[in-house]
Amino acid sequence: MSSFLIEGGHRLQGTIQPIGNKNAAMPLLEACLLTDEPVTLHNVPQIGDVNTVLSLLAGLGVTITRQDDSVTLCARNVNSTTPDAHLFSQIRGSLTLMGPLLARHQHFMVKRASGGDDIGRRRIDTHLQVFEALGARFSSNGKFELRADQRLQGKDILLDEASVTATENGIMAAALAKGTTILRNAASEPHVQDVCKLLVKMGCPIEGIGSNTLIIHGQERLGGGEMRISPDFIEVGSFIGLGAITAGELRIAGVAPEHLRMMEMVFVDRLGVQMHLESEPTAGAEPSYTLVVEDQQELRVKPDFGGAVPKIDDAPWPAFPPDLMSIALVTATQAQGTVIIHEKMYDGRLFFVDKLIAMGAQIILCDPHRVVVIGPSRLTGQPVSSPDIRAGMALVLAALAAKGTTTIGNVRQIDRGYEKIDDKLRQLGAHIERVDS
């Protein structure tokens, strides 16, 4: 088990680049199961969750070639529709194996439910709604099994919630279904858009990409494809918080400006973070964008009209992402003023605040979904443990802003979503050491 030993209070400055979108990489890798031709992806993050997906695919018979941040996969000789139960239970991203296996092989089975972060119940009912609408049958007699007697049939489906993974499963299942499928109330996050773009390259026409209504024109077979995964906007948001609560100018290179609008509304308009966007022309391509989080921040919560206490809450895209609520919360502890953090999506994500309170933060836990943050607070290093990917990264930020030394245990959770984060932070001037026990 590894830990981070972090000495806070040091100036961080320099340039950092986000990895490829973690939540896009997993379904994009799994989309190889839809075809017997090679699929090549670039800018694939080298993180724990991606390694788990690659192991799951290899166990099904997929051949995999990896070079630096590029991965080529070929599912021509898939010999199983039953992924390894232990690996499947480790990450939420394993769920999106269901759609492509069911679509191409009319079968999927696993002996154990999905795992991932311990942030509360995460329902899969919407996945079942989509699969059953397309013609599959579900059974759970000691196992989780989906089966279709014939090729899936396109359908007009209204999702009962805008679930990201259920939308991705629906898109991939519909890509090989007979006829046209319409997904209404679909999720539209950047990672969902990446999945759509890859399937278009593979030969499946999709209308409405980026909207909440997707029209997927199913094909009898799909070809191979190649694409570059978009930058991870969640990691960009994490770096915004990092730059805001530590001294020094932080430059985040290679960002996608269209993914940053709601982050600007929260970090800039709500919490007073000072940052700006710079662009550089590139020959024959889109400009390259760098987000600069400025030095000498004076964070201040902006009250609502009439002096009312403002609220930061999450919702499906294009609203503020649930995966950035932990980062916004830590940033708020260093801002002058009071703000309510309302986490609507998961009933356990805020339970890490006891660790911030132990470090000196003034936080009132109202219920599983709401906290009141009163800042700024002088944080002091403490021994803590990472409960999930995003809370773990939030604790890293708190430790870097704190006085003294913080030990963060269970950093395997952080490694699942952030690539060599300790190395990257050291290059910025952070005093962080990985300790293996």
Protein backbone atom coordinates (compact mmCIF):
# COMPACT_ATOMS: atom_id res chain seq x y z
CA MET A 1 0.00 0.00 0.00
CA SER A 2 1.43 3.40 -1.02
CA SER A 3 1.12 6.76 0.71
CA PHE A 4 1.97 10.34 -0.18
CA LEU A 5 4.11 12.34 2.22
CA ILE A 6 3.47 16.02 1.44
CA GLU A 7 5.09 19.09 2.96
CA GLY A 8 2.78 22.02 2.29
CA GLY A 9 3.30 25.73 1.86
CA HIS A 10 5.72 25.66 -1.06
CA ARG A 11 5.40 27.77 -4.18
CA LEU A 12 4.23 25.89 -7.27
CA GLN A 13 4.82 27.25 -10.73
CA GLY A 14 5.31 26.02 -14.26
CA THR A 15 3.37 24.19 -16.96
CA ILE A 16 1.32 21.03 -16.58
CA GLN A 17 -0.65 19.15 -19.23
CA PRO A 18 -3.84 17.15 -18.65
CA ILE A 19 -4.03 13.50 -19.64
CA GLY A 20 -6.58 12.14 -22.08
CA ASN A 21 -10.10 12.04 -20.70
CA LYS A 22 -10.21 9.11 -18.25
CA ASN A 23 -13.97 8.66 -18.58
CA ALA A 24 -13.71 8.64 -22.38
CA ALA A 25 -10.78 6.24 -22.53
CA MET A 26 -12.61 3.31 -20.95
CA PRO A 27 -15.65 3.11 -23.27
CA LEU A 28 -13.47 4.04 -26.27
CA LEU A 29 -11.20 1.07 -25.56
CA GLU A 30 -14.22 -1.18 -25.08
CA ALA A 31 -15.71 -0.03 -28.40
CA CYS A 32 -13.13 -2.24 -30.12
CA LEU A 33 -15.48 -5.14 -29.29
CA LEU A 34 -17.91 -3.84 -31.93
CA THR A 35 -15.65 -4.75 -34.86
CA ASP A 36 -13.13 -7.33 -36.06
CA GLU A 37 -10.90 -4.58 -37.47
CA PRO A 38 -8.20 -2.68 -35.53
CA VAL A 39 -9.09 0.39 -33.45
CA THR A 40 -6.29 2.82 -32.57
CA LEU A 41 -6.55 5.46 -29.84
CA HIS A 42 -4.05 8.22 -29.05
CA ASN A 43 -3.61 10.24 -25.86
CA VAL A 44 -4.67 7.25 -23.76
CA PRO A 45 -4.00 7.97 -20.07
CA GLN A 46 -1.61 5.61 -18.29
CA ILE A 47 -3.67 5.19 -15.14
CA GLY A 48 -4.98 2.35 -13.00
CA ASP A 49 -8.53 2.27 -14.39
CA VAL A 50 -7.28 2.10 -17.98
CA ASN A 51 -4.93 -0.76 -17.08
CA THR A 52 -7.86 -2.63 -15.56
CA VAL A 53 -9.94 -2.17 -18.73
CA LEU A 54 -7.07 -3.41 -20.89
CA SER A 55 -6.72 -6.49 -18.66
CA LEU A 56 -10.46 -7.15 -18.97
CA LEU A 57 -10.28 -6.88 -22.77
CA ALA A 58 -7.21 -9.12 -22.98
CA GLY A 59 -9.08 -11.72 -20.94
CA LEU A 60 -11.87 -11.71 -23.53
CA GLY A 61 -9.42 -12.42 -26.35
CA VAL A 62 -8.65 -8.89 -27.60
CA THR A 63 -5.12 -8.41 -28.92
CA ILE A 64 -3.55 -5.19 -27.63
CA THR A 65 -0.50 -3.25 -28.76
CA ARG A 66 0.57 -0.31 -26.62
CA GLN A 67 3.24 2.26 -27.43
CA ASP A 68 3.60 5.33 -25.23
CA ASP A 69 0.13 6.91 -25.10
CA SER A 70 -1.21 5.05 -28.16
CA VAL A 71 -3.12 1.76 -28.02
CA THR A 72 -4.22 -0.45 -30.92
CA LEU A 73 -6.83 -3.12 -30.20
CA CYS A 74 -8.25 -5.91 -32.36
CA ALA A 75 -11.26 -7.97 -31.23
CA ARG A 76 -11.28 -10.33 -34.22
CA ASN A 77 -10.75 -13.40 -32.03
CA VAL A 78 -12.89 -12.63 -28.97
CA ASN A 79 -13.50 -15.98 -27.26
CA SER A 80 -15.64 -15.02 -24.27
CA THR A 81 -18.54 -12.78 -23.29
CA THR A 82 -17.90 -13.29 -19.57
CA PRO A 83 -15.32 -10.82 -18.23
CA ASP A 84 -13.19 -11.62 -15.20
CA ALA A 85 -15.43 -11.05 -12.17
CA HIS A 86 -12.66 -9.74 -9.91
CA LEU A 87 -11.43 -7.16 -12.41
CA PHE A 88 -14.99 -6.24 -13.39
CA SER A 89 -15.83 -5.41 -9.77
CA GLN A 90 -12.94 -2.98 -9.37
CA ILE A 91 -14.13 -0.10 -11.59
CA ARG A 92 -17.35 1.51 -12.68
CA GLY A 93 -16.03 1.75 -16.24
CA SER A 94 -16.40 -2.01 -16.64
CA LEU A 95 -20.14 -1.51 -17.09
CA THR A 96 -19.65 -0.28 -20.65
CA LEU A 97 -18.45 -3.72 -21.69
CA MET A 98 -22.11 -4.74 -21.70
CA GLY A 99 -23.27 -2.75 -24.73
CA PRO A 100 -20.67 -3.85 -27.29
CA LEU A 101 -20.64 -7.51 -26.19
CA LEU A 102 -24.42 -7.72 -26.27
CA ALA A 103 -24.59 -5.97 -29.65
CA ARG A 104 -22.01 -8.12 -31.44
CA HIS A 105 -22.36 -11.45 -29.61
CA GLN A 106 -25.93 -11.22 -28.21
CA HIS A 107 -24.65 -12.17 -24.76
CA PHE A 108 -23.00 -10.76 -21.64
CA MET A 109 -22.54 -12.32 -18.22
CA VAL A 110 -20.66 -11.52 -15.03
CA LYS A 111 -20.81 -13.05 -11.60
CA ARG A 112 -20.33 -9.89 -9.56
CA ALA A 113 -21.63 -6.32 -9.65
CA SER A 114 -19.43 -3.37 -10.64
CA GLY A 115 -17.18 -1.68 -8.12
CA GLY A 116 -15.28 1.61 -8.35
CA ASP A 117 -15.33 4.51 -5.93
CA ASP A 118 -17.06 4.22 -2.57
CA ILE A 119 -19.27 7.30 -3.02
CA GLY A 120 -22.69 5.79 -2.45
CA ARG A 121 -25.18 3.74 -4.43
CA ARG A 122 -24.86 3.99 -8.22
CA ARG A 123 -27.87 2.47 -9.93
CA ILE A 124 -27.75 0.43 -13.15
CA ASP A 125 -31.51 0.41 -13.81
CA THR A 126 -31.14 2.80 -16.76
CA HIS A 127 -28.73 0.37 -18.45
CA LEU A 128 -31.29 -2.40 -18.12
CA GLN A 129 -34.03 -0.11 -19.44
CA VAL A 130 -32.01 0.54 -22.60
CA PHE A 131 -31.00 -3.08 -23.22
CA GLU A 132 -34.50 -4.43 -22.68
CA ALA A 133 -35.93 -1.78 -25.04
CA LEU A 134 -33.47 -2.97 -27.72
CA GLY A 135 -34.62 -6.57 -27.30
CA ALA A 136 -32.36 -8.13 -24.65
CA ARG A 137 -33.45 -10.19 -21.65
CA PHE A 138 -31.97 -9.83 -18.19
CA SER A 139 -31.59 -12.52 -15.54
CA SER A 140 -29.90 -12.47 -12.14
CA ASN A 141 -30.12 -16.01 -10.76
CA GLY A 142 -26.76 -16.00 -8.99
CA LYS A 143 -25.25 -13.99 -11.83
CA PHE A 144 -25.79 -10.89 -13.96
CA GLU A 145 -26.68 -11.96 -17.48
CA LEU A 146 -27.98 -10.29 -20.64
CA ARG A 147 -29.03 -12.27 -23.70
CA ALA A 148 -30.68 -11.57 -27.05
CA ASP A 149 -32.07 -14.28 -29.36
CA GLN A 150 -31.25 -12.24 -32.45
CA ARG A 151 -29.75 -8.94 -33.55
CA LEU A 152 -30.86 -6.03 -31.38
CA GLN A 153 -33.67 -3.87 -32.78
CA GLY A 154 -33.56 -0.05 -32.92
CA LYS A 155 -36.04 1.76 -30.70
CA ASP A 156 -37.11 5.24 -29.59
CA ILE A 157 -36.02 5.31 -25.92
CA LEU A 158 -36.51 7.95 -23.24
CA LEU A 159 -33.86 7.36 -20.55
CA ASP A 160 -35.18 7.66 -17.02
CA GLU A 161 -32.04 9.62 -16.09
CA ALA A 162 -29.23 11.23 -18.07
CA SER A 163 -26.74 8.53 -17.07
CA VAL A 164 -23.34 8.79 -18.76
CA THR A 165 -22.50 5.09 -18.75
CA ALA A 166 -26.06 4.06 -19.71
CA THR A 167 -25.93 6.51 -22.63
CA GLU A 168 -22.57 5.11 -23.74
CA ASN A 169 -23.88 1.56 -23.45
CA GLY A 170 -26.96 2.54 -25.43
CA ILE A 171 -24.93 4.19 -28.19
CA MET A 172 -22.65 1.17 -28.60
CA ALA A 173 -25.49 -1.35 -28.47
CA ALA A 174 -27.51 0.66 -31.00
CA ALA A 175 -24.53 0.94 -33.38
CA LEU A 176 -25.03 -2.71 -34.43
CA ALA A 177 -28.81 -2.81 -33.95
CA LYS A 178 -31.21 -3.16 -36.87
CA GLY A 179 -32.71 0.19 -37.81
CA THR A 180 -32.53 3.53 -36.04
CA THR A 181 -32.34 4.12 -32.30
CA ILE A 182 -33.24 7.44 -30.68
CA LEU A 183 -31.89 8.08 -27.18
CA ARG A 184 -33.75 10.92 -25.47
CA ASN A 185 -32.61 12.51 -22.19
CA ALA A 186 -29.16 11.22 -23.12
CA ALA A 187 -26.02 12.38 -21.35
CA SER A 188 -23.91 14.81 -23.40
CA GLU A 189 -20.61 15.06 -21.51
CA PRO A 190 -17.37 15.41 -23.54
CA HIS A 191 -16.58 11.72 -22.99
CA VAL A 192 -19.97 10.74 -24.43
CA GLN A 193 -19.20 12.95 -27.41
CA ASP A 194 -15.85 11.18 -27.87
CA VAL A 195 -17.61 7.79 -27.99
CA CYS A 196 -19.99 9.11 -30.67
CA LYS A 197 -17.13 10.52 -32.72
CA LEU A 198 -15.25 7.22 -32.71
CA LEU A 199 -18.34 5.27 -33.79
CA VAL A 200 -18.87 7.72 -36.66
CA LYS A 201 -15.29 7.03 -37.76
CA MET A 202 -16.06 3.30 -37.54
CA GLY A 203 -19.01 3.72 -39.93
CA CYS A 204 -22.05 4.39 -37.72
CA PRO A 205 -23.84 7.68 -38.52
CA ILE A 206 -24.94 9.53 -35.37
CA GLU A 207 -26.97 12.73 -35.27
CA GLY A 208 -27.20 15.17 -32.37
CA ILE A 209 -23.70 14.70 -30.93
CA GLY A 210 -23.33 17.03 -27.94
CA SER A 211 -27.09 17.27 -27.38
CA ASN A 212 -29.53 15.34 -25.20
CA THR A 213 -31.15 13.59 -28.18
CA LEU A 214 -28.98 11.14 -30.11
CA ILE A 215 -30.08 9.40 -33.30
CA ILE A 216 -27.99 6.29 -34.01
CA HIS A 217 -28.33 4.61 -37.40
CA GLY A 218 -27.44 0.98 -36.73
CA GLN A 219 -25.17 -0.93 -39.10
CA GLU A 220 -24.75 -4.63 -39.86
CA ARG A 221 -21.03 -4.30 -39.24
CA LEU A 222 -18.53 -1.64 -38.28
CA GLY A 223 -14.99 -1.06 -39.46
CA GLY A 224 -11.92 0.03 -37.58
CA GLY A 225 -11.18 3.58 -36.52
CA GLU A 226 -8.56 5.94 -35.14
CA MET A 227 -8.89 9.03 -32.97
CA ARG A 228 -7.23 11.17 -30.33
CA ILE A 229 -8.93 11.29 -26.93
CA SER A 230 -9.86 14.80 -25.80
CA PRO A 231 -8.11 16.35 -22.76
CA ASP A 232 -9.48 15.38 -19.36
CA PHE A 233 -11.53 18.39 -18.28
CA ILE A 234 -11.82 16.95 -14.75
CA GLU A 235 -8.05 16.99 -14.41
CA VAL A 236 -8.05 20.54 -15.80
CA GLY A 237 -10.51 21.50 -13.06
CA SER A 238 -8.29 19.82 -10.47
CA PHE A 239 -5.32 21.88 -11.66
CA ILE A 240 -7.41 25.07 -11.49
CA GLY A 241 -8.04 24.34 -7.82
CA LEU A 242 -4.37 23.52 -7.32
CA GLY A 243 -3.24 26.82 -8.82
CA ALA A 244 -5.86 28.79 -6.92
CA ILE A 245 -4.87 27.68 -3.40
CA THR A 246 -1.07 27.55 -3.78
CA ALA A 247 1.33 30.37 -4.55
CA GLY A 248 2.78 30.68 -8.04
CA GLU A 249 1.55 30.89 -11.63
CA LEU A 250 0.25 27.61 -13.01
CA ARG A 251 -0.09 27.11 -16.77
CA ILE A 252 -2.37 24.28 -17.92
CA ALA A 253 -1.46 23.46 -21.53
CA GLY A 254 -3.59 21.76 -24.16
CA VAL A 255 -7.04 22.54 -22.78
CA ALA A 256 -10.32 22.53 -24.74
CA PRO A 257 -11.99 25.94 -24.14
CA GLU A 258 -15.46 24.57 -24.95
CA HIS A 259 -15.19 22.32 -21.87
CA LEU A 260 -14.38 25.15 -19.45
CA ARG A 261 -17.42 27.44 -19.47
CA MET A 262 -19.15 26.08 -16.37
CA MET A 263 -15.82 25.76 -14.54
CA GLU A 264 -15.26 29.47 -15.15
CA MET A 265 -18.71 30.26 -13.73
CA VAL A 266 -17.90 28.36 -10.53
CA PHE A 267 -14.20 28.98 -9.96
CA VAL A 268 -14.10 32.56 -11.27
CA ASP A 269 -17.58 33.95 -10.65
CA ARG A 270 -18.32 32.08 -7.40
CA LEU A 271 -14.92 31.70 -5.73
CA GLY A 272 -12.92 34.57 -7.24
CA VAL A 273 -10.18 32.56 -8.97
CA GLN A 274 -8.15 34.71 -11.33
CA MET A 275 -7.29 32.95 -14.59
CA HIS A 276 -7.18 33.63 -18.31
CA LEU A 277 -6.89 31.75 -21.60
CA GLU A 278 -3.99 32.10 -24.05
CA SER A 279 -3.89 30.70 -27.59
CA GLU A 280 -1.05 29.86 -29.93
CA PRO A 281 -1.56 29.27 -33.67
CA THR A 282 -0.50 25.88 -35.01
CA ALA A 283 0.22 25.11 -38.65
CA GLY A 284 -2.81 23.67 -40.41
CA ALA A 285 -4.70 22.85 -37.22
CA GLU A 286 -6.82 24.33 -34.46
CA PRO A 287 -4.98 26.76 -32.15
CA SER A 288 -3.40 25.33 -29.01
CA TYR A 289 -4.89 26.77 -25.80
CA THR A 290 -3.26 27.25 -22.40
CA LEU A 291 -5.20 28.17 -19.28
CA VAL A 292 -3.20 30.37 -16.91
CA VAL A 293 -4.09 30.37 -13.21
CA GLU A 294 -2.50 33.56 -12.01
CA ASP A 295 -0.15 34.12 -9.09
CA GLN A 296 -1.16 35.88 -5.84
CA GLN A 297 -4.79 34.85 -5.72
CA GLU A 298 -7.25 36.73 -3.52
CA LEU A 299 -10.06 34.22 -3.37
CA ARG A 300 -13.41 35.68 -2.33
CA VAL A 301 -16.87 34.12 -2.45
CA LYS A 302 -19.31 36.24 -4.44
CA PRO A 303 -22.68 36.42 -2.61
CA ASP A 304 -25.94 36.00 -4.48
CA PHE A 305 -28.24 38.98 -5.05
CA GLY A 306 -29.14 40.68 -1.78
CA GLY A 307 -26.14 39.23 0.04
CA ALA A 308 -27.55 35.69 0.17
CA VAL A 309 -25.17 32.79 0.71
CA PRO A 310 -24.39 31.33 -2.76
CA LYS A 311 -24.49 27.67 -3.72
CA ILE A 312 -22.27 25.46 -5.83
CA ASP A 313 -24.11 22.38 -7.06
CA ASP A 314 -23.62 19.69 -9.66
CA ALA A 315 -25.82 18.37 -12.44
CA PRO A 316 -25.49 16.61 -15.82
CA TRP A 317 -23.48 18.37 -18.53
CA PRO A 318 -23.20 21.23 -19.33
CA ALA A 319 -23.67 22.00 -15.62
CA PHE A 320 -20.84 21.73 -13.08
CA PRO A 321 -19.43 18.17 -13.10
CA PRO A 322 -19.98 15.96 -10.03
CA ASP A 323 -16.33 14.84 -10.20
CA LEU A 324 -15.18 18.41 -9.47
CA MET A 325 -17.28 18.99 -6.35
CA SER A 326 -14.49 17.79 -4.04
CA ILE A 327 -12.02 20.15 -5.73
CA ALA A 328 -14.44 23.11 -5.50
CA LEU A 329 -14.99 22.34 -1.82
CA VAL A 330 -11.28 22.44 -0.97
CA THR A 331 -10.87 25.64 -3.00
CA ALA A 332 -13.75 27.19 -1.03
CA THR A 333 -11.92 26.54 2.27
CA GLN A 334 -9.32 29.10 1.14
CA ALA A 335 -11.78 31.75 -0.06
CA GLN A 336 -13.09 34.64 2.03
CA GLY A 337 -16.80 34.11 2.69
CA THR A 338 -19.44 31.40 3.06
CA VAL A 339 -20.74 29.03 0.38
CA ILE A 340 -23.04 26.00 0.30
CA ILE A 341 -21.74 22.93 -1.55
CA HIS A 342 -24.68 20.81 -2.74
CA GLU A 343 -23.65 17.39 -4.11
CA LYS A 344 -26.81 15.99 -5.70
CA MET A 345 -25.52 12.98 -7.56
CA TYR A 346 -23.97 10.67 -4.95
CA ASP A 347 -24.89 10.11 -1.32
CA GLY A 348 -21.37 9.43 -0.03
CA ARG A 349 -19.09 11.82 -1.88
CA LEU A 350 -19.01 14.48 0.86
CA PHE A 351 -18.11 12.11 3.67
CA PHE A 352 -14.41 12.95 3.30
CA VAL A 353 -14.94 16.40 4.84
CA ASP A 354 -14.11 15.05 8.31
CA LYS A 355 -10.52 14.83 7.08
CA LEU A 356 -10.56 18.49 6.02
CA ILE A 357 -12.11 19.47 9.35
CA ALA A 358 -9.28 17.64 11.12
CA MET A 359 -6.86 19.75 9.06
CA GLY A 360 -8.57 22.94 10.29
CA ALA A 361 -11.25 23.67 7.70
CA GLN A 362 -14.48 25.30 8.90
CA ILE A 363 -17.10 23.01 7.37
CA ILE A 364 -20.59 22.12 8.57
CA LEU A 365 -21.91 18.81 7.24
CA CYS A 366 -25.65 19.42 6.98
CA ASP A 367 -26.63 16.03 5.50
CA PRO A 368 -25.11 13.51 3.03
CA HIS A 369 -25.58 15.97 0.16
CA ARG A 370 -24.83 19.43 1.58
CA VAL A 371 -22.05 21.21 3.45
CA VAL A 372 -21.50 24.82 4.44
CA VAL A 373 -17.92 26.05 3.97
CA ILE A 374 -16.70 29.15 5.84
CA GLY A 375 -13.34 30.48 4.75
CA PRO A 376 -10.57 31.14 4.65
CA SER A 377 -9.17 28.48 6.99
CA ARG A 378 -5.56 27.87 7.93
CA LEU A 379 -5.00 24.20 7.18
CA THR A 380 -2.49 22.06 9.09
CA GLY A 381 -1.04 18.76 7.93
CA GLN A 382 -2.60 15.57 9.32
CA PRO A 383 -2.57 11.82 8.57
CA VAL A 384 -5.53 11.15 6.24
CA SER A 385 -6.62 8.48 3.76
CA SER A 386 -8.04 8.72 0.23
CA PRO A 387 -11.60 7.29 0.02
CA ASP A 388 -12.01 7.75 -3.75
CA ILE A 389 -10.27 9.24 -6.79
CA ARG A 390 -11.62 12.79 -6.59
CA ALA A 391 -11.61 13.17 -2.80
CA GLY A 392 -8.06 11.82 -2.85
CA MET A 393 -6.95 14.52 -5.27
CA ALA A 394 -8.79 17.13 -3.19
CA LEU A 395 -6.81 16.00 -0.15
CA VAL A 396 -3.58 16.37 -2.15
CA LEU A 397 -4.57 19.98 -2.88
CA ALA A 398 -5.37 20.61 0.78
CA ALA A 399 -2.03 19.12 1.84
CA LEU A 400 -0.09 21.32 -0.60
CA ALA A 401 -1.82 24.41 0.81
CA ALA A 402 -1.45 23.33 4.46
CA LYS A 403 1.21 24.18 7.01
CA GLY A 404 3.35 21.21 7.95
CA THR A 405 3.33 17.64 6.71
CA THR A 406 0.38 15.52 5.59
CA THR A 407 0.41 11.78 5.03
CA ILE A 408 -2.25 10.53 2.58
CA GLY A 409 -2.89 6.80 2.64
CA ASN A 410 -4.55 4.56 0.04
CA VAL A 411 -3.18 6.55 -2.90
CA ARG A 412 -4.03 3.62 -5.17
CA GLN A 413 -7.39 5.38 -5.47
CA ILE A 414 -5.68 8.55 -6.75
CA ASP A 415 -3.51 6.54 -9.16
CA ARG A 416 -6.71 5.13 -10.70
CA GLY A 417 -7.51 8.54 -12.18
CA TYR A 418 -4.34 10.66 -12.18
CA GLU A 419 -1.23 9.68 -14.14
CA LYS A 420 2.03 9.90 -12.15
CA ILE A 421 0.60 12.87 -10.28
CA ASP A 422 3.41 12.95 -7.70
CA ASP A 423 6.04 13.23 -10.46
CA LYS A 424 4.11 16.02 -12.17
CA LEU A 425 3.67 17.97 -8.95
CA ARG A 426 7.34 17.68 -8.06
CA GLN A 427 8.19 19.26 -11.41
CA LEU A 428 6.10 22.26 -10.32
CA GLY A 429 7.99 22.56 -7.05
CA ALA A 430 5.81 20.49 -4.73
CA HIS A 431 7.45 18.60 -1.86
CA ILE A 432 5.70 15.26 -2.32
CA GLU A 433 7.14 11.79 -1.81
CA ARG A 434 5.61 8.39 -2.54
CA VAL A 435 6.19 5.94 0.31
CA ASP A 436 5.58 2.22 -0.23
CA SER A 437 4.77 0.18 2.87
